[in-house]
């Protein structure tokens, strides 16, 4: 896979996750408000919010990677995507199924988010050429 196609894939994953987050938020507001408890509805909305934030994060990583295609950016994108699956996915599944043990998975997604943001931050903190690295 070329660097260009990898960057395009990261941006596409970000856009698709943002799309899913908007749809999930609308579903929560219009389809689930009378079905789920207030606690579960809030949890579902939290999942959608984090999915949106990190979908935008993936788009940001893709844009940054156009100027600075680095392994750190790719690693950050992978951790961010896995974080979305584990964090938001487990919360969606928990609220829709009521299976409480799914909540055990959620913190692992949060850890992936933290690693992604730290990786991105360290990449640009220690990059002597800033955004112009080739």
C-alpha atoms as a PDB file:
ATOM      1  CA  UNK A   1       0.000   0.000   0.000  1.00  0.00           C
ATOM      2  CA  UNK A   2       1.437   3.387  -0.971  1.00  0.00           C
ATOM      3  CA  UNK A   3       1.741   6.302   1.425  1.00  0.00           C
ATOM      4  CA  UNK A   4      -0.886   8.187  -0.543  1.00  0.00           C
ATOM      5  CA  UNK A   5      -3.402   5.349  -0.336  1.00  0.00           C
ATOM      6  CA  UNK A   6      -2.666   4.906   3.385  1.00  0.00           C
ATOM      7  CA  UNK A   7      -3.339   8.597   3.982  1.00  0.00           C
ATOM      8  CA  UNK A   8      -6.551   8.399   1.952  1.00  0.00           C
ATOM      9  CA  UNK A   9      -7.634   5.357   3.968  1.00  0.00           C
ATOM     10  CA  UNK A  10      -7.025   7.165   7.273  1.00  0.00           C
ATOM     11  CA  UNK A  11      -9.073  10.163   6.119  1.00  0.00           C
ATOM     12  CA  UNK A  12     -11.830   7.877   4.795  1.00  0.00           C
ATOM     13  CA  UNK A  13     -11.980   5.946   8.095  1.00  0.00           C
ATOM     14  CA  UNK A  14     -12.258   9.269   9.904  1.00  0.00           C
ATOM     15  CA  UNK A  15     -15.055  10.484   7.656  1.00  0.00           C
ATOM     16  CA  UNK A  16     -16.980   7.206   7.917  1.00  0.00           C
ATOM     17  CA  UNK A  17     -16.675   7.258  11.691  1.00  0.00           C
ATOM     18  CA  UNK A  18     -17.916  10.846  11.801  1.00  0.00           C
ATOM     19  CA  UNK A  19     -20.865   9.782   9.624  1.00  0.00           C
ATOM     20  CA  UNK A  20     -21.665   6.871  11.946  1.00  0.00           C
ATOM     21  CA  UNK A  21     -21.397   9.166  14.973  1.00  0.00           C
ATOM     22  CA  UNK A  22     -23.904  11.626  13.493  1.00  0.00           C
ATOM     23  CA  UNK A  23     -26.274   8.771  12.651  1.00  0.00           C
ATOM     24  CA  UNK A  24     -25.860   7.296  16.143  1.00  0.00           C
ATOM     25  CA  UNK A  25     -26.552  10.665  17.752  1.00  0.00           C
ATOM     26  CA  UNK A  26     -29.700  11.108  15.669  1.00  0.00           C
ATOM     27  CA  UNK A  27     -30.757   7.547  16.492  1.00  0.00           C
ATOM     28  CA  UNK A  28     -30.273   8.274  20.189  1.00  0.00           C
ATOM     29  CA  UNK A  29     -32.227  11.528  20.035  1.00  0.00           C
ATOM     30  CA  UNK A  30     -35.135  10.220  18.000  1.00  0.00           C
ATOM     31  CA  UNK A  31     -35.231   6.439  18.231  1.00  0.00           C
ATOM     32  CA  UNK A  32     -33.889   5.535  21.635  1.00  0.00           C
ATOM     33  CA  UNK A  33     -35.106   8.290  23.955  1.00  0.00           C
ATOM     34  CA  UNK A  34     -38.291   6.380  24.798  1.00  0.00           C
ATOM     35  CA  UNK A  35     -36.613   2.956  24.880  1.00  0.00           C
ATOM     36  CA  UNK A  36     -33.428   3.366  26.920  1.00  0.00           C
ATOM     37  CA  UNK A  37     -33.085   4.519  30.505  1.00  0.00           C
ATOM     38  CA  UNK A  38     -31.663   8.007  30.998  1.00  0.00           C
ATOM     39  CA  UNK A  39     -28.351   6.457  32.103  1.00  0.00           C
ATOM     40  CA  UNK A  40     -28.075   4.228  29.033  1.00  0.00           C
ATOM     41  CA  UNK A  41     -29.146   7.049  26.719  1.00  0.00           C
ATOM     42  CA  UNK A  42     -26.390   9.242  28.169  1.00  0.00           C
ATOM     43  CA  UNK A  43     -23.901   6.384  27.729  1.00  0.00           C
ATOM     44  CA  UNK A  44     -24.965   5.953  24.094  1.00  0.00           C
ATOM     45  CA  UNK A  45     -24.506   9.689  23.485  1.00  0.00           C
ATOM     46  CA  UNK A  46     -21.060   9.516  25.106  1.00  0.00           C
ATOM     47  CA  UNK A  47     -20.122   6.756  22.652  1.00  0.00           C
ATOM     48  CA  UNK A  48     -21.296   8.901  19.727  1.00  0.00           C
ATOM     49  CA  UNK A  49     -19.422  11.971  21.006  1.00  0.00           C
ATOM     50  CA  UNK A  50     -16.151  10.083  21.417  1.00  0.00           C
ATOM     51  CA  UNK A  51     -16.581   8.453  18.028  1.00  0.00           C
ATOM     52  CA  UNK A  52     -17.060  11.890  16.454  1.00  0.00           C
ATOM     53  CA  UNK A  53     -14.066  13.424  18.231  1.00  0.00           C
ATOM     54  CA  UNK A  54     -11.809  10.596  17.204  1.00  0.00           C
ATOM     55  CA  UNK A  55     -13.222  10.409  13.679  1.00  0.00           C
ATOM     56  CA  UNK A  56     -12.167  14.041  13.330  1.00  0.00           C
ATOM     57  CA  UNK A  57      -8.862  13.039  14.930  1.00  0.00           C
ATOM     58  CA  UNK A  58      -8.328  10.464  12.183  1.00  0.00           C
ATOM     59  CA  UNK A  59      -9.027  13.097   9.535  1.00  0.00           C
ATOM     60  CA  UNK A  60      -6.519  15.398  11.254  1.00  0.00           C
ATOM     61  CA  UNK A  61      -3.877  12.659  11.298  1.00  0.00           C
ATOM     62  CA  UNK A  62      -4.488  12.048   7.598  1.00  0.00           C
ATOM     63  CA  UNK A  63      -4.084  15.732   6.777  1.00  0.00           C
ATOM     64  CA  UNK A  64      -0.932  16.003   8.901  1.00  0.00           C
ATOM     65  CA  UNK A  65       0.429  12.887   7.209  1.00  0.00           C
ATOM     66  CA  UNK A  66       0.284  14.581   3.815  1.00  0.00           C
ATOM     67  CA  UNK A  67       3.084  16.901   5.004  1.00  0.00           C
ATOM     68  CA  UNK A  68       4.758  14.458   7.391  1.00  0.00           C
ATOM     69  CA  UNK A  69       4.129  10.834   6.434  1.00  0.00           C
ATOM     70  CA  UNK A  70       5.608   9.005   9.401  1.00  0.00           C
ATOM     71  CA  UNK A  71       5.219   5.667  11.123  1.00  0.00           C
ATOM     72  CA  UNK A  72       4.205   7.524  14.274  1.00  0.00           C
ATOM     73  CA  UNK A  73       1.237   9.059  12.463  1.00  0.00           C
ATOM     74  CA  UNK A  74       0.223   5.640  11.148  1.00  0.00           C
ATOM     75  CA  UNK A  75       0.561   4.159  14.643  1.00  0.00           C
ATOM     76  CA  UNK A  76      -1.519   7.001  16.101  1.00  0.00           C
ATOM     77  CA  UNK A  77      -4.216   6.404  13.480  1.00  0.00           C
ATOM     78  CA  UNK A  78      -4.296   2.673  14.209  1.00  0.00           C
ATOM     79  CA  UNK A  79      -4.572   3.241  17.957  1.00  0.00           C
ATOM     80  CA  UNK A  80      -7.300   5.831  17.387  1.00  0.00           C
ATOM     81  CA  UNK A  81      -9.310   3.501  15.151  1.00  0.00           C
ATOM     82  CA  UNK A  82      -8.951   0.575  17.563  1.00  0.00           C
ATOM     83  CA  UNK A  83      -9.966   2.947  20.355  1.00  0.00           C
ATOM     84  CA  UNK A  84     -13.162   3.844  18.504  1.00  0.00           C
ATOM     85  CA  UNK A  85     -14.024   0.176  18.080  1.00  0.00           C
ATOM     86  CA  UNK A  86     -13.283  -0.741  21.688  1.00  0.00           C
ATOM     87  CA  UNK A  87     -14.584   2.397  23.419  1.00  0.00           C
ATOM     88  CA  UNK A  88     -17.583   3.461  21.373  1.00  0.00           C
ATOM     89  CA  UNK A  89     -18.349  -0.034  20.116  1.00  0.00           C
ATOM     90  CA  UNK A  90     -18.485  -1.498  23.610  1.00  0.00           C
ATOM     91  CA  UNK A  91     -20.688   1.344  24.857  1.00  0.00           C
ATOM     92  CA  UNK A  92     -23.074   0.997  21.916  1.00  0.00           C
ATOM     93  CA  UNK A  93     -23.276  -2.754  22.486  1.00  0.00           C
ATOM     94  CA  UNK A  94     -23.717  -2.343  26.243  1.00  0.00           C
ATOM     95  CA  UNK A  95     -26.588   0.108  25.920  1.00  0.00           C
ATOM     96  CA  UNK A  96     -28.386  -1.782  23.157  1.00  0.00           C
ATOM     97  CA  UNK A  97     -28.041  -5.263  24.675  1.00  0.00           C
ATOM     98  CA  UNK A  98     -27.885  -4.543  28.398  1.00  0.00           C
ATOM     99  CA  UNK A  99     -24.944  -6.960  28.723  1.00  0.00           C
ATOM    100  CA  UNK A 100     -23.025  -5.222  31.494  1.00  0.00           C
ATOM    101  CA  UNK A 101     -19.735  -7.117  31.150  1.00  0.00           C
ATOM    102  CA  UNK A 102     -19.196  -5.311  27.830  1.00  0.00           C
ATOM    103  CA  UNK A 103     -18.285  -2.283  29.941  1.00  0.00           C
ATOM    104  CA  UNK A 104     -15.045  -4.067  30.841  1.00  0.00           C
ATOM    105  CA  UNK A 105     -13.846  -3.459  27.266  1.00  0.00           C
ATOM    106  CA  UNK A 106     -14.431   0.306  27.322  1.00  0.00           C
ATOM    107  CA  UNK A 107     -11.317   1.355  29.288  1.00  0.00           C
ATOM    108  CA  UNK A 108      -9.086  -0.455  26.790  1.00  0.00           C
ATOM    109  CA  UNK A 109     -10.518   1.806  24.105  1.00  0.00           C
ATOM    110  CA  UNK A 110      -9.795   4.818  26.297  1.00  0.00           C
ATOM    111  CA  UNK A 111      -6.212   3.645  26.704  1.00  0.00           C
ATOM    112  CA  UNK A 112      -5.922   3.351  22.911  1.00  0.00           C
ATOM    113  CA  UNK A 113      -7.171   6.941  22.586  1.00  0.00           C
ATOM    114  CA  UNK A 114      -4.566   8.138  25.092  1.00  0.00           C
ATOM    115  CA  UNK A 115      -1.774   6.266  23.311  1.00  0.00           C
ATOM    116  CA  UNK A 116      -2.896   7.697  19.959  1.00  0.00           C
ATOM    117  CA  UNK A 117      -2.846  11.294  21.175  1.00  0.00           C
ATOM    118  CA  UNK A 118       0.478  10.829  23.000  1.00  0.00           C
ATOM    119  CA  UNK A 119       2.045   9.241  19.920  1.00  0.00           C
ATOM    120  CA  UNK A 120       0.886  12.132  17.770  1.00  0.00           C
ATOM    121  CA  UNK A 121       2.084  14.697  20.301  1.00  0.00           C
ATOM    122  CA  UNK A 122       5.494  13.099  20.756  1.00  0.00           C
ATOM    123  CA  UNK A 123       5.915  12.750  17.003  1.00  0.00           C
ATOM    124  CA  UNK A 124       5.578  16.495  16.510  1.00  0.00           C
ATOM    125  CA  UNK A 125       7.362  17.462  19.747  1.00  0.00           C
ATOM    126  CA  UNK A 126      10.553  15.676  18.760  1.00  0.00           C
ATOM    127  CA  UNK A 127      10.362  16.243  15.004  1.00  0.00           C
ATOM    128  CA  UNK A 128      13.222  18.673  14.284  1.00  0.00           C
ATOM    129  CA  UNK A 129      11.777  19.618  10.899  1.00  0.00           C
ATOM    130  CA  UNK A 130       8.267  20.351  12.172  1.00  0.00           C
ATOM    131  CA  UNK A 131       5.559  19.730   9.611  1.00  0.00           C
ATOM    132  CA  UNK A 132       7.986  19.960   6.692  1.00  0.00           C
ATOM    133  CA  UNK A 133       9.678  16.603   7.237  1.00  0.00           C
ATOM    134  CA  UNK A 134      10.048  14.652   3.991  1.00  0.00           C
END
